Amino acid sequence: MKLAIASLLFGSSAAFSPALSGNKFTSSTQLSARKPFITGNWKLNPQTKDEALELAGAIAASVNEESPEADVALFVPYVFIESVMDKVGDWINIGAEGVCPEGGGAYTGAISAPMLKSVGVQWALAGHSERRVIYGETDDYINSQCLKLIDQGMSVMLCIGESLAEFEQDLAGSVCAVQLKKGLKGIAKEDLDKVAIAYEPVWAIGTGKVATPEIAQNVHATCRAIIADMYDEEAADGMRILYGGSVTPESVDDLMSQPDIDGALVGGASLDAEKFGRIINFKTL
């Protein structure tokens, strides 16, 4: 198994060719035409408010006038949102790690889009693999999250990606197509400026394994072709598609140099201010 995984990770991008063979769409834009978006997902971390503020302050300090012209956001636990907002000021956008699509009622423990909006949140995640797998959130539920956020004038980061088994069966393109089409169902073209896509191969999240830049680029190009088919080429060219899955200071420059990779959704490294600061200050090759 280890040899098989290694050959897929470090071999050529042909591992994805069956899923991508129908891709006839060629993006007419480069990264420079879509503003890069570097984001961090803190998940169930850190464990105290003081630790959250210390980390947020150190990350904010890494954003300066010499940083790349990019949007930066942190998705943090609900309880830290307002405190972290105050700490980072206007340098970094603070988002929520999820949202309940209901507008109110008997949903113990849930947080609604209007609640988040009322404290200044603009962005929220939807469809992260941990929510899909651990909490059983379905494509229909994820779509309802997206629709609710957009209805509130907010923005959503729709996460998609294949499992290890699907990866090994060359199904990345097919899985992403299903998740994109179901996740974006009912969203009008004029509202796509409130959407970003994060491609996160499940086998790479928290494992230290990273898809090669060529593999990630191929999947991103396929996602852009799917959006072109759902809407049109203008919509596809305007969509920011981020890569997630063990992004590190060592891998970010190669990833961000790919024409269809517009940013990163960073997990573990976003809990280290020095590492995440280097990712924010990526260099295209």
C-alpha atoms as a PDB file:
ATOM      1  CA  MET A   1       0.000   0.000   0.000  1.00  0.00           C
ATOM      2  CA  LYS A   2       2.785   2.463   0.902  1.00  0.00           C
ATOM      3  CA  LEU A   3       4.501   1.845  -2.425  1.00  0.00           C
ATOM      4  CA  ALA A   4       1.248   2.363  -4.297  1.00  0.00           C
ATOM      5  CA  ILE A   5       0.531   5.641  -2.531  1.00  0.00           C
ATOM      6  CA  ALA A   6       4.074   6.864  -3.056  1.00  0.00           C
ATOM      7  CA  SER A   7       3.918   6.173  -6.780  1.00  0.00           C
ATOM      8  CA  LEU A   8       0.716   8.201  -7.046  1.00  0.00           C
ATOM      9  CA  LEU A   9       2.000  11.074  -4.964  1.00  0.00           C
ATOM     10  CA  PHE A  10       5.376  11.464  -6.572  1.00  0.00           C
ATOM     11  CA  GLY A  11       4.756  10.089 -10.026  1.00  0.00           C
ATOM     12  CA  SER A  12       3.343  11.893 -13.001  1.00  0.00           C
ATOM     13  CA  SER A  13      -0.015  13.576 -13.191  1.00  0.00           C
ATOM     14  CA  ALA A  14      -1.205  10.721 -15.398  1.00  0.00           C
ATOM     15  CA  ALA A  15      -2.693   9.162 -12.281  1.00  0.00           C
ATOM     16  CA  PHE A  16      -5.658  11.439 -12.890  1.00  0.00           C
ATOM     17  CA  SER A  17      -5.890  11.071 -16.654  1.00  0.00           C
ATOM     18  CA  PRO A  18      -9.057   8.913 -16.832  1.00  0.00           C
ATOM     19  CA  ALA A  19     -11.021  11.462 -14.806  1.00  0.00           C
ATOM     20  CA  LEU A  20      -9.621  14.417 -16.729  1.00  0.00           C
ATOM     21  CA  SER A  21      -9.646  13.109 -20.275  1.00  0.00           C
ATOM     22  CA  GLY A  22     -12.867  14.945 -21.142  1.00  0.00           C
ATOM     23  CA  ASN A  23     -11.536  18.332 -20.058  1.00  0.00           C
ATOM     24  CA  LYS A  24     -11.597  20.602 -23.140  1.00  0.00           C
ATOM     25  CA  PHE A  25     -11.805  23.904 -21.264  1.00  0.00           C
ATOM     26  CA  THR A  26      -8.674  26.035 -21.230  1.00  0.00           C
ATOM     27  CA  SER A  27      -8.602  28.854 -18.711  1.00  0.00           C
ATOM     28  CA  SER A  28      -7.934  32.191 -20.379  1.00  0.00           C
ATOM     29  CA  THR A  29      -6.752  33.762 -17.152  1.00  0.00           C
ATOM     30  CA  GLN A  30      -3.779  33.342 -14.881  1.00  0.00           C
ATOM     31  CA  LEU A  31      -3.440  33.695 -11.120  1.00  0.00           C
ATOM     32  CA  SER A  32      -2.670  37.396 -11.575  1.00  0.00           C
ATOM     33  CA  ALA A  33      -6.206  37.926 -12.881  1.00  0.00           C
ATOM     34  CA  ARG A  34      -7.750  36.345  -9.774  1.00  0.00           C
ATOM     35  CA  LYS A  35      -6.686  37.805  -6.457  1.00  0.00           C
ATOM     36  CA  PRO A  36      -4.905  35.082  -4.431  1.00  0.00           C
ATOM     37  CA  PHE A  37      -6.654  33.919  -1.279  1.00  0.00           C
ATOM     38  CA  ILE A  38      -4.595  32.459   1.569  1.00  0.00           C
ATOM     39  CA  THR A  39      -6.687  30.998   4.378  1.00  0.00           C
ATOM     40  CA  GLY A  40      -6.203  29.045   7.577  1.00  0.00           C
ATOM     41  CA  ASN A  41      -8.581  26.613   9.264  1.00  0.00           C
ATOM     42  CA  TRP A  42      -7.902  26.277  12.980  1.00  0.00           C
ATOM     43  CA  LYS A  43     -10.404  23.427  13.473  1.00  0.00           C
ATOM     44  CA  LEU A  44     -10.639  22.486  17.193  1.00  0.00           C
ATOM     45  CA  ASN A  45      -7.677  24.658  18.137  1.00  0.00           C
ATOM     46  CA  PRO A  46      -6.305  26.345  20.180  1.00  0.00           C
ATOM     47  CA  GLN A  47      -7.758  25.479  23.553  1.00  0.00           C
ATOM     48  CA  THR A  48      -7.860  28.882  25.266  1.00  0.00           C
ATOM     49  CA  LYS A  49      -8.739  32.444  24.332  1.00  0.00           C
ATOM     50  CA  ASP A  50      -5.297  33.669  25.353  1.00  0.00           C
ATOM     51  CA  GLU A  51      -3.633  31.159  23.035  1.00  0.00           C
ATOM     52  CA  ALA A  52      -5.961  32.160  20.190  1.00  0.00           C
ATOM     53  CA  LEU A  53      -5.144  35.835  20.614  1.00  0.00           C
ATOM     54  CA  GLU A  54      -1.419  35.214  20.811  1.00  0.00           C
ATOM     55  CA  LEU A  55      -1.510  33.131  17.611  1.00  0.00           C
ATOM     56  CA  ALA A  56      -3.742  35.605  15.774  1.00  0.00           C
ATOM     57  CA  GLY A  57      -1.529  38.530  16.700  1.00  0.00           C
ATOM     58  CA  ALA A  58       1.606  36.752  15.522  1.00  0.00           C
ATOM     59  CA  ILE A  59      -0.034  35.829  12.212  1.00  0.00           C
ATOM     60  CA  ALA A  60      -1.297  39.383  11.666  1.00  0.00           C
ATOM     61  CA  ALA A  61       2.233  40.675  12.214  1.00  0.00           C
ATOM     62  CA  SER A  62       3.402  38.661   9.184  1.00  0.00           C
ATOM     63  CA  VAL A  63       1.090  40.602   6.851  1.00  0.00           C
ATOM     64  CA  ASN A  64       2.739  43.827   5.736  1.00  0.00           C
ATOM     65  CA  GLU A  65       3.169  46.144   2.778  1.00  0.00           C
ATOM     66  CA  GLU A  66       5.726  43.782   1.219  1.00  0.00           C
ATOM     67  CA  SER A  67       3.356  40.792   1.336  1.00  0.00           C
ATOM     68  CA  PRO A  68       1.834  39.581  -1.948  1.00  0.00           C
ATOM     69  CA  GLU A  69      -1.363  41.315  -3.052  1.00  0.00           C
ATOM     70  CA  ALA A  70      -3.678  38.679  -1.627  1.00  0.00           C
ATOM     71  CA  ASP A  71      -6.725  38.239   0.573  1.00  0.00           C
ATOM     72  CA  VAL A  72      -6.023  36.508   3.887  1.00  0.00           C
ATOM     73  CA  ALA A  73      -8.573  34.842   6.143  1.00  0.00           C
ATOM     74  CA  LEU A  74      -8.659  32.680   9.238  1.00  0.00           C
ATOM     75  CA  PHE A  75     -11.531  30.300   9.962  1.00  0.00           C
ATOM     76  CA  VAL A  76     -11.611  30.007  13.737  1.00  0.00           C
ATOM     77  CA  PRO A  77     -13.791  28.368  16.419  1.00  0.00           C
ATOM     78  CA  TYR A  78     -17.011  30.283  17.073  1.00  0.00           C
ATOM     79  CA  VAL A  79     -16.070  31.276  20.614  1.00  0.00           C
ATOM     80  CA  PHE A  80     -12.940  33.102  19.442  1.00  0.00           C
ATOM     81  CA  ILE A  81     -14.379  34.966  16.453  1.00  0.00           C
ATOM     82  CA  GLU A  82     -15.020  38.410  17.957  1.00  0.00           C
ATOM     83  CA  SER A  83     -11.857  38.453  20.075  1.00  0.00           C
ATOM     84  CA  VAL A  84      -9.681  37.439  17.148  1.00  0.00           C
ATOM     85  CA  MET A  85     -11.371  40.021  14.923  1.00  0.00           C
ATOM     86  CA  ASP A  86     -10.450  42.735  17.392  1.00  0.00           C
ATOM     87  CA  LYS A  87      -6.889  41.428  17.572  1.00  0.00           C
ATOM     88  CA  VAL A  88      -6.114  41.347  13.852  1.00  0.00           C
ATOM     89  CA  GLY A  89      -8.024  44.459  12.795  1.00  0.00           C
ATOM     90  CA  ASP A  90      -8.374  44.973   9.061  1.00  0.00           C
ATOM     91  CA  TRP A  91      -5.361  42.896   8.070  1.00  0.00           C
ATOM     92  CA  ILE A  92      -7.138  39.535   8.095  1.00  0.00           C
ATOM     93  CA  ASN A  93     -10.728  38.441   7.493  1.00  0.00           C
ATOM     94  CA  ILE A  94     -12.077  36.201  10.271  1.00  0.00           C
ATOM     95  CA  GLY A  95     -14.544  33.526   9.206  1.00  0.00           C
ATOM     96  CA  ALA A  96     -16.529  30.689  10.759  1.00  0.00           C
ATOM     97  CA  GLU A  97     -15.715  27.005  10.413  1.00  0.00           C
ATOM     98  CA  GLY A  98     -19.329  26.150   9.641  1.00  0.00           C
ATOM     99  CA  VAL A  99     -22.932  27.282   9.801  1.00  0.00           C
ATOM    100  CA  CYS A 100     -26.392  25.856  10.386  1.00  0.00           C
ATOM    101  CA  PRO A 101     -28.628  26.473   7.355  1.00  0.00           C
ATOM    102  CA  GLU A 102     -31.682  27.013   9.563  1.00  0.00           C
ATOM    103  CA  GLY A 103     -32.723  30.536  10.458  1.00  0.00           C
ATOM    104  CA  GLY A 104     -33.772  29.763  14.020  1.00  0.00           C
ATOM    105  CA  GLY A 105     -35.705  27.263  16.104  1.00  0.00           C
ATOM    106  CA  ALA A 106     -35.039  24.111  18.116  1.00  0.00           C
ATOM    107  CA  TYR A 107     -31.511  23.313  16.926  1.00  0.00           C
ATOM    108  CA  THR A 108     -29.472  22.995  20.117  1.00  0.00           C
ATOM    109  CA  GLY A 109     -25.827  23.874  19.654  1.00  0.00           C
ATOM    110  CA  ALA A 110     -26.260  25.332  16.180  1.00  0.00           C
ATOM    111  CA  ILE A 111     -25.016  28.698  14.912  1.00  0.00           C
ATOM    112  CA  SER A 112     -27.011  30.431  12.170  1.00  0.00           C
ATOM    113  CA  ALA A 113     -25.857  32.667   9.332  1.00  0.00           C
ATOM    114  CA  PRO A 114     -27.690  35.718  10.761  1.00  0.00           C
ATOM    115  CA  MET A 115     -25.918  35.160  14.103  1.00  0.00           C
ATOM    116  CA  LEU A 116     -22.544  35.111  12.374  1.00  0.00           C
ATOM    117  CA  LYS A 117     -23.372  38.130  10.241  1.00  0.00           C
ATOM    118  CA  SER A 118     -24.424  40.085  13.318  1.00  0.00           C
ATOM    119  CA  VAL A 119     -20.904  39.844  14.762  1.00  0.00           C
ATOM    120  CA  GLY A 120     -19.212  40.815  11.503  1.00  0.00           C
ATOM    121  CA  VAL A 121     -18.481  37.439   9.900  1.00  0.00           C
ATOM    122  CA  GLN A 122     -18.398  37.495   6.103  1.00  0.00           C
ATOM    123  CA  TRP A 123     -17.015  34.024   5.267  1.00  0.00           C
ATOM    124  CA  ALA A 124     -17.850  30.501   6.408  1.00  0.00           C
ATOM    125  CA  LEU A 125     -16.707  27.035   5.400  1.00  0.00           C
ATOM    126  CA  ALA A 126     -19.093  24.449   3.977  1.00  0.00           C
ATOM    127  CA  GLY A 127     -18.420  20.871   2.922  1.00  0.00           C
ATOM    128  CA  HIS A 128     -15.124  20.250   4.698  1.00  0.00           C
ATOM    129  CA  SER A 129     -14.341  16.534   4.597  1.00  0.00           C
ATOM    130  CA  GLU A 130     -14.285  16.302   8.385  1.00  0.00           C
ATOM    131  CA  ARG A 131     -17.848  17.596   8.459  1.00  0.00           C
ATOM    132  CA  ARG A 132     -18.864  15.230   5.689  1.00  0.00           C
ATOM    133  CA  VAL A 133     -17.253  12.161   7.271  1.00  0.00           C
ATOM    134  CA  ILE A 134     -17.472  12.707  11.042  1.00  0.00           C
ATOM    135  CA  TYR A 135     -20.772  14.574  11.193  1.00  0.00           C
ATOM    136  CA  GLY A 136     -22.480  13.031   8.201  1.00  0.00           C
ATOM    137  CA  GLU A 137     -23.180  16.302   6.401  1.00  0.00           C
ATOM    138  CA  THR A 138     -24.594  15.459   2.965  1.00  0.00           C
ATOM    139  CA  ASP A 139     -24.284  17.283  -0.343  1.00  0.00           C
ATOM    140  CA  ASP A 140     -27.864  18.512   0.063  1.00  0.00           C
ATOM    141  CA  TYR A 141     -27.141  19.865   3.551  1.00  0.00           C
ATOM    142  CA  ILE A 142     -23.951  21.512   2.308  1.00  0.00           C
ATOM    143  CA  ASN A 143     -25.874  23.095  -0.561  1.00  0.00           C
ATOM    144  CA  SER A 144     -28.389  24.494   1.917  1.00  0.00           C
ATOM    145  CA  GLN A 145     -25.519  26.049   3.895  1.00  0.00           C
ATOM    146  CA  CYS A 146     -24.199  27.709   0.737  1.00  0.00           C
ATOM    147  CA  LEU A 147     -27.619  29.023  -0.221  1.00  0.00           C
ATOM    148  CA  LYS A 148     -28.308  30.382   3.263  1.00  0.00           C
ATOM    149  CA  LEU A 149     -24.992  32.216   3.446  1.00  0.00           C
ATOM    150  CA  ILE A 150     -25.488  33.788   0.029  1.00  0.00           C
ATOM    151  CA  ASP A 151     -29.067  34.711   0.928  1.00  0.00           C
ATOM    152  CA  GLN A 152     -27.617  36.637   3.875  1.00  0.00           C
ATOM    153  CA  GLY A 153     -25.182  38.483   1.602  1.00  0.00           C
ATOM    154  CA  MET A 154     -22.290  36.464   3.019  1.00  0.00           C
ATOM    155  CA  SER A 155     -19.612  34.375   1.284  1.00  0.00           C
ATOM    156  CA  VAL A 156     -18.879  30.648   1.363  1.00  0.00           C
ATOM    157  CA  MET A 157     -15.812  28.499   0.912  1.00  0.00           C
ATOM    158  CA  LEU A 158     -17.132  25.249  -0.597  1.00  0.00           C
ATOM    159  CA  CYS A 159     -14.753  22.380   0.153  1.00  0.00           C
ATOM    160  CA  ILE A 160     -14.559  19.382  -2.156  1.00  0.00           C
ATOM    161  CA  GLY A 161     -12.221  16.419  -2.552  1.00  0.00           C
ATOM    162  CA  GLU A 162     -11.844  12.697  -2.935  1.00  0.00           C
ATOM    163  CA  SER A 163     -10.963   9.945  -0.455  1.00  0.00           C
ATOM    164  CA  LEU A 164      -7.849   7.776  -0.697  1.00  0.00           C
ATOM    165  CA  ALA A 165      -9.841   4.909  -2.208  1.00  0.00           C
ATOM    166  CA  GLU A 166     -11.330   7.243  -4.820  1.00  0.00           C
ATOM    167  CA  PHE A 167      -7.902   8.744  -5.497  1.00  0.00           C
ATOM    168  CA  GLU A 168      -6.406   5.320  -6.151  1.00  0.00           C
ATOM    169  CA  GLN A 169      -9.231   4.523  -8.568  1.00  0.00           C
ATOM    170  CA  ASP A 170      -8.602   7.718 -10.579  1.00  0.00           C
ATOM    171  CA  LEU A 171     -11.969   9.148  -9.533  1.00  0.00           C
ATOM    172  CA  ALA A 172     -10.830  12.586  -8.355  1.00  0.00           C
ATOM    173  CA  GLY A 173     -12.416  14.403 -11.287  1.00  0.00           C
ATOM    174  CA  SER A 174     -15.678  12.490 -11.010  1.00  0.00           C
ATOM    175  CA  VAL A 175     -15.990  13.052  -7.252  1.00  0.00           C
ATOM    176  CA  CYS A 176     -15.240  16.753  -7.570  1.00  0.00           C
ATOM    177  CA  ALA A 177     -17.796  17.065 -10.382  1.00  0.00           C
ATOM    178  CA  VAL A 178     -20.558  15.593  -8.214  1.00  0.00           C
ATOM    179  CA  GLN A 179     -19.663  17.681  -5.171  1.00  0.00           C
ATOM    180  CA  LEU A 180     -19.416  20.873  -7.224  1.00  0.00           C
ATOM    181  CA  LYS A 181     -22.690  20.355  -9.069  1.00  0.00           C
ATOM    182  CA  LYS A 182     -24.582  19.483  -5.903  1.00  0.00           C
ATOM    183  CA  GLY A 183     -22.910  22.140  -3.768  1.00  0.00           C
ATOM    184  CA  LEU A 184     -23.534  24.967  -6.248  1.00  0.00           C
ATOM    185  CA  LYS A 185     -27.077  23.901  -7.144  1.00  0.00           C
ATOM    186  CA  GLY A 186     -29.420  26.880  -7.184  1.00  0.00           C
ATOM    187  CA  ILE A 187     -26.647  29.492  -6.975  1.00  0.00           C
ATOM    188  CA  ALA A 188     -27.005  32.101  -9.716  1.00  0.00           C
ATOM    189  CA  LYS A 189     -24.033  33.227 -11.777  1.00  0.00           C
ATOM    190  CA  GLU A 190     -24.322  36.746 -10.362  1.00  0.00           C
ATOM    191  CA  ASP A 191     -23.774  35.328  -6.861  1.00  0.00           C
ATOM    192  CA  LEU A 192     -20.592  33.415  -7.685  1.00  0.00           C
ATOM    193  CA  ASP A 193     -18.514  36.356  -6.477  1.00  0.00           C
ATOM    194  CA  LYS A 194     -19.590  35.198  -3.004  1.00  0.00           C
ATOM    195  CA  VAL A 195     -18.146  31.707  -3.564  1.00  0.00           C
ATOM    196  CA  ALA A 196     -14.651  30.240  -3.456  1.00  0.00           C
ATOM    197  CA  ILE A 197     -13.809  26.571  -3.959  1.00  0.00           C
ATOM    198  CA  ALA A 198     -11.270  24.658  -1.876  1.00  0.00           C
ATOM    199  CA  TYR A 199     -10.028  21.401  -3.390  1.00  0.00           C
ATOM    200  CA  GLU A 200      -8.826  19.256  -0.495  1.00  0.00           C
ATOM    201  CA  PRO A 201      -7.901  15.674  -1.343  1.00  0.00           C
ATOM    202  CA  VAL A 202      -8.981  13.838   1.806  1.00  0.00           C
ATOM    203  CA  TRP A 203      -5.912  11.616   1.739  1.00  0.00           C
ATOM    204  CA  ALA A 204      -3.695  14.714   2.101  1.00  0.00           C
ATOM    205  CA  ILE A 205      -5.448  16.401   5.041  1.00  0.00           C
ATOM    206  CA  GLY A 206      -3.291  16.174   8.142  1.00  0.00           C
ATOM    207  CA  THR A 207      -1.205  13.349   6.681  1.00  0.00           C
ATOM    208  CA  GLY A 208       1.804  15.311   5.500  1.00  0.00           C
ATOM    209  CA  LYS A 209       1.159  14.056   1.964  1.00  0.00           C
ATOM    210  CA  VAL A 210       0.643  16.743  -0.653  1.00  0.00           C
ATOM    211  CA  ALA A 211      -0.539  16.261  -4.213  1.00  0.00           C
ATOM    212  CA  THR A 212       2.216  17.212  -6.621  1.00  0.00           C
ATOM    213  CA  PRO A 213       1.718  20.665  -8.147  1.00  0.00           C
ATOM    214  CA  GLU A 214       0.973  18.967 -11.466  1.00  0.00           C
ATOM    215  CA  ILE A 215      -1.735  16.725  -9.977  1.00  0.00           C
ATOM    216  CA  ALA A 216      -3.299  19.623  -8.064  1.00  0.00           C
ATOM    217  CA  GLN A 217      -3.205  21.808 -11.190  1.00  0.00           C
ATOM    218  CA  ASN A 218      -4.949  19.103 -13.248  1.00  0.00           C
ATOM    219  CA  VAL A 219      -7.756  18.731 -10.716  1.00  0.00           C
ATOM    220  CA  HIS A 220      -8.148  22.501 -10.415  1.00  0.00           C
ATOM    221  CA  ALA A 221      -8.354  22.811 -14.204  1.00  0.00           C
ATOM    222  CA  THR A 222     -11.011  20.101 -14.212  1.00  0.00           C
ATOM    223  CA  CYS A 223     -12.996  21.956 -11.541  1.00  0.00           C
ATOM    224  CA  ARG A 224     -12.795  25.116 -13.632  1.00  0.00           C
ATOM    225  CA  ALA A 225     -14.055  23.187 -16.666  1.00  0.00           C
ATOM    226  CA  ILE A 226     -16.987  21.871 -14.612  1.00  0.00           C
ATOM    227  CA  ILE A 227     -17.897  25.419 -13.571  1.00  0.00           C
ATOM    228  CA  ALA A 228     -17.678  26.520 -17.208  1.00  0.00           C
ATOM    229  CA  ASP A 229     -20.079  23.730 -18.127  1.00  0.00           C
ATOM    230  CA  MET A 230     -22.464  24.678 -15.292  1.00  0.00           C
ATOM    231  CA  TYR A 231     -22.345  28.416 -16.008  1.00  0.00           C
ATOM    232  CA  ASP A 232     -19.969  29.747 -18.676  1.00  0.00           C
ATOM    233  CA  GLU A 233     -16.289  30.485 -19.245  1.00  0.00           C
ATOM    234  CA  GLU A 234     -16.540  33.940 -17.679  1.00  0.00           C
ATOM    235  CA  ALA A 235     -17.812  32.388 -14.450  1.00  0.00           C
ATOM    236  CA  ALA A 236     -15.098  29.744 -14.545  1.00  0.00           C
ATOM    237  CA  ASP A 237     -12.326  32.267 -15.155  1.00  0.00           C
ATOM    238  CA  GLY A 238     -13.525  34.376 -12.225  1.00  0.00           C
ATOM    239  CA  MET A 239     -13.784  31.543  -9.687  1.00  0.00           C
ATOM    240  CA  ARG A 240     -11.009  31.335  -7.100  1.00  0.00           C
ATOM    241  CA  ILE A 241     -10.056  27.697  -6.505  1.00  0.00           C
ATOM    242  CA  LEU A 242      -7.790  27.039  -3.525  1.00  0.00           C
ATOM    243  CA  TYR A 243      -5.719  23.967  -2.728  1.00  0.00           C
ATOM    244  CA  GLY A 244      -5.799  22.408   0.734  1.00  0.00           C
ATOM    245  CA  GLY A 245      -4.166  19.358   2.224  1.00  0.00           C
ATOM    246  CA  SER A 246      -0.962  19.634   4.276  1.00  0.00           C
ATOM    247  CA  VAL A 247       0.192  22.853   2.584  1.00  0.00           C
ATOM    248  CA  THR A 248       3.556  23.853   4.057  1.00  0.00           C
ATOM    249  CA  PRO A 249       6.138  26.627   3.613  1.00  0.00           C
ATOM    250  CA  GLU A 250       8.097  24.116   1.520  1.00  0.00           C
ATOM    251  CA  SER A 251       5.249  23.327  -0.889  1.00  0.00           C
ATOM    252  CA  VAL A 252       3.368  26.619  -1.181  1.00  0.00           C
ATOM    253  CA  ASP A 253       5.560  28.330  -3.792  1.00  0.00           C
ATOM    254  CA  ASP A 254       5.299  25.488  -6.296  1.00  0.00           C
ATOM    255  CA  LEU A 255       1.556  25.198  -5.724  1.00  0.00           C
ATOM    256  CA  MET A 256       0.921  28.928  -6.073  1.00  0.00           C
ATOM    257  CA  SER A 257       2.902  28.999  -9.328  1.00  0.00           C
ATOM    258  CA  GLN A 258       0.282  26.840 -11.053  1.00  0.00           C
ATOM    259  CA  PRO A 259      -2.117  28.801 -13.311  1.00  0.00           C
ATOM    260  CA  ASP A 260      -5.339  27.384 -11.829  1.00  0.00           C
ATOM    261  CA  ILE A 261      -4.338  27.354  -8.141  1.00  0.00           C
ATOM    262  CA  ASP A 262      -5.529  30.622  -6.642  1.00  0.00           C
ATOM    263  CA  GLY A 263      -4.715  30.155  -2.983  1.00  0.00           C
ATOM    264  CA  ALA A 264      -4.532  27.726  -0.092  1.00  0.00           C
ATOM    265  CA  LEU A 265      -6.736  26.449   2.717  1.00  0.00           C
ATOM    266  CA  VAL A 266      -4.194  25.564   5.384  1.00  0.00           C
ATOM    267  CA  GLY A 267      -4.809  23.365   8.404  1.00  0.00           C
ATOM    268  CA  GLY A 268      -1.936  22.392  10.691  1.00  0.00           C
ATOM    269  CA  ALA A 269       0.511  25.016   9.469  1.00  0.00           C
ATOM    270  CA  SER A 270      -1.985  27.791  10.275  1.00  0.00           C
ATOM    271  CA  LEU A 271      -1.455  26.969  13.965  1.00  0.00           C
ATOM    272  CA  ASP A 272       2.210  27.959  13.647  1.00  0.00           C
ATOM    273  CA  ALA A 273       2.579  31.704  13.087  1.00  0.00           C
ATOM    274  CA  GLU A 274       6.020  31.415  11.501  1.00  0.00           C
ATOM    275  CA  LYS A 275       4.949  28.708   9.055  1.00  0.00           C
ATOM    276  CA  PHE A 276       1.671  30.362   8.165  1.00  0.00           C
ATOM    277  CA  GLY A 277       3.406  33.703   7.803  1.00  0.00           C
ATOM    278  CA  ARG A 278       5.699  32.158   5.199  1.00  0.00           C
ATOM    279  CA  ILE A 279       2.666  30.725   3.378  1.00  0.00           C
ATOM    280  CA  ILE A 280       0.986  34.145   3.386  1.00  0.00           C
ATOM    281  CA  ASN A 281       4.193  35.563   1.930  1.00  0.00           C
ATOM    282  CA  PHE A 282       4.423  32.967  -0.830  1.00  0.00           C
ATOM    283  CA  LYS A 283       6.617  33.491  -3.872  1.00  0.00           C
ATOM    284  CA  THR A 284       5.571  32.466  -7.361  1.00  0.00           C
ATOM    285  CA  LEU A 285       8.303  30.757  -9.346  1.00  0.00           C
END
